[in-house]
Protein backbone atom coordinates (compact mmCIF):
# COMPACT_ATOMS: atom_id res chain seq x y z
CA UNK A 1 0.00 0.00 0.00
CA UNK A 2 2.39 2.68 -1.15
CA UNK A 3 -0.45 5.20 -1.47
CA UNK A 4 -1.03 5.04 2.27
CA UNK A 5 2.55 5.00 3.50
CA UNK A 6 2.03 7.97 5.84
CA UNK A 7 -1.45 6.93 7.00
CA UNK A 8 -1.46 5.09 10.34
CA UNK A 9 -2.37 1.42 9.92
CA UNK A 10 -3.52 -1.33 12.24
CA UNK A 11 -3.02 -4.89 10.95
CA UNK A 12 -5.36 -7.40 12.56
CA UNK A 13 -4.15 -10.53 10.75
CA UNK A 14 -3.97 -13.45 13.18
CA UNK A 15 -5.85 -11.61 15.94
CA UNK A 16 -8.99 -13.06 17.55
CA UNK A 17 -12.28 -11.14 17.66
CA UNK A 18 -12.13 -9.92 21.27
CA UNK A 19 -8.52 -8.77 21.06
CA UNK A 20 -9.35 -7.04 17.75
CA UNK A 21 -12.08 -5.02 19.50
CA UNK A 22 -9.59 -3.78 22.09
CA UNK A 23 -6.90 -2.97 19.53
CA UNK A 24 -9.32 -1.06 17.29
CA UNK A 25 -10.65 1.05 20.18
CA UNK A 26 -7.13 1.92 21.37
CA UNK A 27 -5.93 2.62 17.82
CA UNK A 28 -8.81 5.02 17.16
CA UNK A 29 -8.38 6.80 20.51
CA UNK A 30 -4.60 7.16 20.10
CA UNK A 31 -4.85 8.53 16.56
CA UNK A 32 -7.60 10.94 17.57
CA UNK A 33 -5.33 12.27 20.33
CA UNK A 34 -2.56 12.70 17.74
CA UNK A 35 -5.01 14.69 15.59
CA UNK A 36 -4.94 12.22 12.70
CA UNK A 37 -7.78 12.63 10.24
CA UNK A 38 -7.64 9.19 8.64
CA UNK A 39 -6.44 5.71 9.55
CA UNK A 40 -6.53 2.29 7.93
CA UNK A 41 -7.53 -0.96 9.56
CA UNK A 42 -6.31 -4.07 7.76
CA UNK A 43 -8.63 -6.92 8.65
CA UNK A 44 -8.09 -9.20 5.68
CA UNK A 45 -10.81 -11.10 3.88
CA UNK A 46 -10.70 -14.64 5.31
CA UNK A 47 -13.98 -15.80 6.84
CA UNK A 48 -15.14 -12.23 7.42
CA UNK A 49 -15.27 -12.44 11.22
CA UNK A 50 -12.66 -9.72 11.84
CA UNK A 51 -14.10 -7.58 9.05
CA UNK A 52 -17.53 -7.80 10.69
CA UNK A 53 -16.05 -7.07 14.12
CA UNK A 54 -14.23 -4.03 12.71
CA UNK A 55 -17.48 -2.69 11.25
CA UNK A 56 -19.35 -3.22 14.55
CA UNK A 57 -16.68 -1.44 16.62
CA UNK A 58 -16.36 1.49 14.22
CA UNK A 59 -20.14 1.96 13.97
CA UNK A 60 -20.35 2.47 17.75
CA UNK A 61 -17.26 4.66 18.15
CA UNK A 62 -18.09 8.36 18.59
CA UNK A 63 -14.64 9.42 17.34
CA UNK A 64 -15.36 7.91 13.90
CA UNK A 65 -16.83 10.27 11.32
CA UNK A 66 -17.26 7.58 8.66
CA UNK A 67 -15.63 4.40 7.40
CA UNK A 68 -15.66 2.40 4.19
CA UNK A 69 -13.96 -0.56 2.54
CA UNK A 70 -10.90 0.46 0.50
CA UNK A 71 -11.88 0.39 -3.19
CA UNK A 72 -8.54 -1.19 -4.13
CA UNK A 73 -8.30 -3.67 -1.23
CA UNK A 74 -11.39 -5.41 0.18
CA UNK A 75 -9.28 -6.51 3.15
CA UNK A 76 -8.87 -2.97 4.48
CA UNK A 77 -11.20 -0.34 5.91
CA UNK A 78 -10.46 3.37 5.67
CA UNK A 79 -11.60 5.30 8.73
CA UNK A 80 -12.14 9.05 8.89
CA UNK A 81 -11.99 10.49 12.39
CA UNK A 82 -13.92 13.47 13.71
CA UNK A 83 -11.95 16.70 13.98
CA UNK A 84 -9.94 17.11 17.15
CA UNK A 85 -9.70 20.82 17.89
């Protein structure tokens, strides 16, 4: 992903569902504090469990403005964070 070299990324390959929830929440909170506007969560395709978990966590997180599957990589979700003033 050369296009996203400077965008913070969280790779969840090999992580179980519950640990993924924790990592996603911490990743979002940390990047919000650092005033990042966009992050990428790499969940892979696999069986879809981690992708579904990622969607559930992001949908409930108040720091997330919006999120969507990367158009060039179905195994990654691009997350836009609310503005941190």
